[in-house]
Amino acid sequence: MSTRKNDYVTCAAVESARKIGNQWRLIVIRYLLERPMRFNELLRVACEIDTKTLSRVLKYLASEKIVQRQVLGTQPFTVRYALTDKGEQIRPIMQSLKAWGETWILGDTSLETRQKSSALAP
């Protein structure tokens, strides 16, 4: 359903992309689709993200009710992050994104590599 905002029709796809479409948000969601994880686990699997960025992304996703923050213990302080039902609804989107990437990103890379290799062959 579309609504009017500043004389423009607001598209649900555009608004959804604004909520989850940032690089790190999608990466965090992707790993949480596998299973709930602790902060340091996410830091380890989401290569190249720094602690400040991960913390900011998790707080944002929690504020949007996409991720739930669960305190597991206080000695030592342990927190686990899991997708909410709202977050789980992103699964088919991520599956489509993965299929697209396998075809157009990884597939193109493999094709380019094969073409370069065959161009170099005698």
C-alpha atoms as a PDB file:
ATOM      1  CA  MET A   1       0.000   0.000   0.000  1.00  0.00           C
ATOM      2  CA  SER A   2       1.303   3.457  -0.879  1.00  0.00           C
ATOM      3  CA  THR A   3       0.712   6.668   1.027  1.00  0.00           C
ATOM      4  CA  ARG A   4       1.301  10.298   0.150  1.00  0.00           C
ATOM      5  CA  LYS A   5       4.215  12.143   1.719  1.00  0.00           C
ATOM      6  CA  ASN A   6       5.264  15.625   0.571  1.00  0.00           C
ATOM      7  CA  ASP A   7       3.241  15.207  -2.644  1.00  0.00           C
ATOM      8  CA  TYR A   8       5.094  11.987  -3.516  1.00  0.00           C
ATOM      9  CA  VAL A   9       3.727   8.496  -3.273  1.00  0.00           C
ATOM     10  CA  THR A  10       5.672   6.560  -0.663  1.00  0.00           C
ATOM     11  CA  CYS A  11       6.589   3.127  -1.925  1.00  0.00           C
ATOM     12  CA  ALA A  12       6.740   0.251   0.573  1.00  0.00           C
ATOM     13  CA  ALA A  13       9.821  -1.165  -1.192  1.00  0.00           C
ATOM     14  CA  VAL A  14      11.686   2.139  -0.856  1.00  0.00           C
ATOM     15  CA  GLU A  15      10.735   2.510   2.803  1.00  0.00           C
ATOM     16  CA  SER A  16      11.756  -1.106   3.487  1.00  0.00           C
ATOM     17  CA  ALA A  17      15.120  -0.518   1.834  1.00  0.00           C
ATOM     18  CA  ARG A  18      15.630   2.497   4.094  1.00  0.00           C
ATOM     19  CA  LYS A  19      15.005   0.338   7.159  1.00  0.00           C
ATOM     20  CA  ILE A  20      17.157  -2.689   6.303  1.00  0.00           C
ATOM     21  CA  GLY A  21      19.075  -1.788   3.151  1.00  0.00           C
ATOM     22  CA  ASN A  22      22.329  -0.605   4.682  1.00  0.00           C
ATOM     23  CA  GLN A  23      25.369  -2.863   4.113  1.00  0.00           C
ATOM     24  CA  TRP A  24      25.995  -3.770   7.747  1.00  0.00           C
ATOM     25  CA  ARG A  25      22.327  -4.221   8.636  1.00  0.00           C
ATOM     26  CA  LEU A  26      21.911  -6.796   5.882  1.00  0.00           C
ATOM     27  CA  ILE A  27      25.104  -8.603   6.894  1.00  0.00           C
ATOM     28  CA  VAL A  28      24.052  -8.803  10.562  1.00  0.00           C
ATOM     29  CA  ILE A  29      20.565 -10.007   9.585  1.00  0.00           C
ATOM     30  CA  ARG A  30      22.094 -12.605   7.265  1.00  0.00           C
ATOM     31  CA  TYR A  31      24.123 -14.173  10.092  1.00  0.00           C
ATOM     32  CA  LEU A  32      21.279 -13.979  12.598  1.00  0.00           C
ATOM     33  CA  LEU A  33      19.123 -15.914  10.129  1.00  0.00           C
ATOM     34  CA  GLU A  34      21.455 -18.872  10.807  1.00  0.00           C
ATOM     35  CA  ARG A  35      20.998 -18.741  14.579  1.00  0.00           C
ATOM     36  CA  PRO A  36      21.026 -16.367  17.561  1.00  0.00           C
ATOM     37  CA  MET A  37      24.541 -15.081  18.274  1.00  0.00           C
ATOM     38  CA  ARG A  38      26.453 -13.199  20.913  1.00  0.00           C
ATOM     39  CA  PHE A  39      28.105  -9.880  20.127  1.00  0.00           C
ATOM     40  CA  ASN A  40      31.616 -11.343  19.764  1.00  0.00           C
ATOM     41  CA  GLU A  41      30.337 -14.142  17.519  1.00  0.00           C
ATOM     42  CA  LEU A  42      28.783 -11.561  15.203  1.00  0.00           C
ATOM     43  CA  LEU A  43      31.989  -9.540  15.312  1.00  0.00           C
ATOM     44  CA  ARG A  44      33.938 -12.627  14.248  1.00  0.00           C
ATOM     45  CA  VAL A  45      31.679 -13.753  11.383  1.00  0.00           C
ATOM     46  CA  ALA A  46      30.837 -10.301   9.998  1.00  0.00           C
ATOM     47  CA  CYS A  47      34.390  -9.661   8.819  1.00  0.00           C
ATOM     48  CA  GLU A  48      35.624  -6.078   8.663  1.00  0.00           C
ATOM     49  CA  ILE A  49      32.942  -4.613  10.930  1.00  0.00           C
ATOM     50  CA  ASP A  50      34.266  -2.752  13.963  1.00  0.00           C
ATOM     51  CA  THR A  51      32.752  -2.929  17.446  1.00  0.00           C
ATOM     52  CA  LYS A  52      31.298   0.594  17.333  1.00  0.00           C
ATOM     53  CA  THR A  53      29.527  -0.044  14.023  1.00  0.00           C
ATOM     54  CA  LEU A  54      28.213  -3.447  15.132  1.00  0.00           C
ATOM     55  CA  SER A  55      26.904  -1.950  18.358  1.00  0.00           C
ATOM     56  CA  ARG A  56      25.165   0.865  16.456  1.00  0.00           C
ATOM     57  CA  VAL A  57      23.628  -1.591  13.936  1.00  0.00           C
ATOM     58  CA  LEU A  58      22.334  -3.911  16.671  1.00  0.00           C
ATOM     59  CA  LYS A  59      20.811  -0.985  18.598  1.00  0.00           C
ATOM     60  CA  TYR A  60      19.102   0.248  15.439  1.00  0.00           C
ATOM     61  CA  LEU A  61      17.759  -3.205  14.510  1.00  0.00           C
ATOM     62  CA  ALA A  62      16.508  -3.661  18.087  1.00  0.00           C
ATOM     63  CA  SER A  63      14.778  -0.255  17.992  1.00  0.00           C
ATOM     64  CA  GLU A  64      13.046  -1.337  14.766  1.00  0.00           C
ATOM     65  CA  LYS A  65      12.001  -4.614  16.453  1.00  0.00           C
ATOM     66  CA  ILE A  66      13.911  -6.669  13.883  1.00  0.00           C
ATOM     67  CA  VAL A  67      16.390  -7.983  16.455  1.00  0.00           C
ATOM     68  CA  GLN A  68      15.799  -8.909  20.077  1.00  0.00           C
ATOM     69  CA  ARG A  69      18.545  -8.381  22.659  1.00  0.00           C
ATOM     70  CA  GLN A  70      18.512 -11.124  25.297  1.00  0.00           C
ATOM     71  CA  VAL A  71      20.569 -10.771  28.490  1.00  0.00           C
ATOM     72  CA  LEU A  72      21.710 -14.288  29.384  1.00  0.00           C
ATOM     73  CA  GLY A  73      23.777 -13.550  32.462  1.00  0.00           C
ATOM     74  CA  THR A  74      25.382 -10.829  34.525  1.00  0.00           C
ATOM     75  CA  GLN A  75      28.521 -12.583  35.810  1.00  0.00           C
ATOM     76  CA  PRO A  76      30.008 -12.346  33.232  1.00  0.00           C
ATOM     77  CA  PHE A  77      27.621 -10.044  31.387  1.00  0.00           C
ATOM     78  CA  THR A  78      26.382 -12.039  28.389  1.00  0.00           C
ATOM     79  CA  VAL A  79      23.986 -10.885  25.686  1.00  0.00           C
ATOM     80  CA  ARG A  80      22.616 -12.826  22.744  1.00  0.00           C
ATOM     81  CA  TYR A  81      20.936 -11.336  19.694  1.00  0.00           C
ATOM     82  CA  ALA A  82      18.159 -13.091  17.800  1.00  0.00           C
ATOM     83  CA  LEU A  83      15.754 -12.141  15.067  1.00  0.00           C
ATOM     84  CA  THR A  84      12.197 -11.348  16.060  1.00  0.00           C
ATOM     85  CA  ASP A  85       9.241 -12.602  14.021  1.00  0.00           C
ATOM     86  CA  LYS A  86       9.501  -9.348  12.077  1.00  0.00           C
ATOM     87  CA  GLY A  87      13.184 -10.083  11.404  1.00  0.00           C
ATOM     88  CA  GLU A  88      12.428 -13.654  10.336  1.00  0.00           C
ATOM     89  CA  GLN A  89      10.121 -12.257   7.655  1.00  0.00           C
ATOM     90  CA  ILE A  90      13.271 -10.963   5.916  1.00  0.00           C
ATOM     91  CA  ARG A  91      14.398 -14.554   5.185  1.00  0.00           C
ATOM     92  CA  PRO A  92      12.809 -14.824   1.688  1.00  0.00           C
ATOM     93  CA  ILE A  93      14.299 -11.448   0.751  1.00  0.00           C
ATOM     94  CA  MET A  94      17.765 -12.648   1.781  1.00  0.00           C
ATOM     95  CA  GLN A  95      17.262 -15.920  -0.112  1.00  0.00           C
ATOM     96  CA  SER A  96      16.389 -13.940  -3.247  1.00  0.00           C
ATOM     97  CA  LEU A  97      19.386 -11.655  -2.706  1.00  0.00           C
ATOM     98  CA  LYS A  98      21.635 -14.706  -2.326  1.00  0.00           C
ATOM     99  CA  ALA A  99      20.307 -16.260  -5.552  1.00  0.00           C
ATOM    100  CA  TRP A 100      20.804 -12.962  -7.392  1.00  0.00           C
ATOM    101  CA  GLY A 101      24.361 -12.695  -6.051  1.00  0.00           C
ATOM    102  CA  GLU A 102      25.192 -16.259  -7.046  1.00  0.00           C
ATOM    103  CA  THR A 103      24.076 -15.485 -10.592  1.00  0.00           C
ATOM    104  CA  TRP A 104      25.259 -11.918 -11.100  1.00  0.00           C
ATOM    105  CA  ILE A 105      28.093 -11.380  -8.616  1.00  0.00           C
ATOM    106  CA  LEU A 106      29.795 -14.726  -8.058  1.00  0.00           C
ATOM    107  CA  GLY A 107      28.710 -15.990 -11.469  1.00  0.00           C
ATOM    108  CA  ASP A 108      30.140 -12.926 -13.242  1.00  0.00           C
ATOM    109  CA  THR A 109      33.411 -13.237 -11.343  1.00  0.00           C
ATOM    110  CA  SER A 110      33.760 -16.859 -12.364  1.00  0.00           C
ATOM    111  CA  LEU A 111      32.911 -16.009 -15.967  1.00  0.00           C
ATOM    112  CA  GLU A 112      35.458 -13.151 -16.037  1.00  0.00           C
ATOM    113  CA  THR A 113      38.116 -15.423 -14.561  1.00  0.00           C
ATOM    114  CA  ARG A 114      37.357 -18.127 -17.133  1.00  0.00           C
ATOM    115  CA  GLN A 115      37.460 -15.594 -19.974  1.00  0.00           C
ATOM    116  CA  LYS A 116      40.803 -14.191 -18.791  1.00  0.00           C
ATOM    117  CA  SER A 117      42.200 -17.684 -18.409  1.00  0.00           C
ATOM    118  CA  SER A 118      41.067 -18.746 -21.867  1.00  0.00           C
ATOM    119  CA  ALA A 119      42.381 -15.484 -23.359  1.00  0.00           C
ATOM    120  CA  LEU A 120      45.807 -16.262 -21.914  1.00  0.00           C
ATOM    121  CA  ALA A 121      45.838 -19.845 -23.176  1.00  0.00           C
ATOM    122  CA  PRO A 122      47.985 -20.545 -26.294  1.00  0.00           C
END
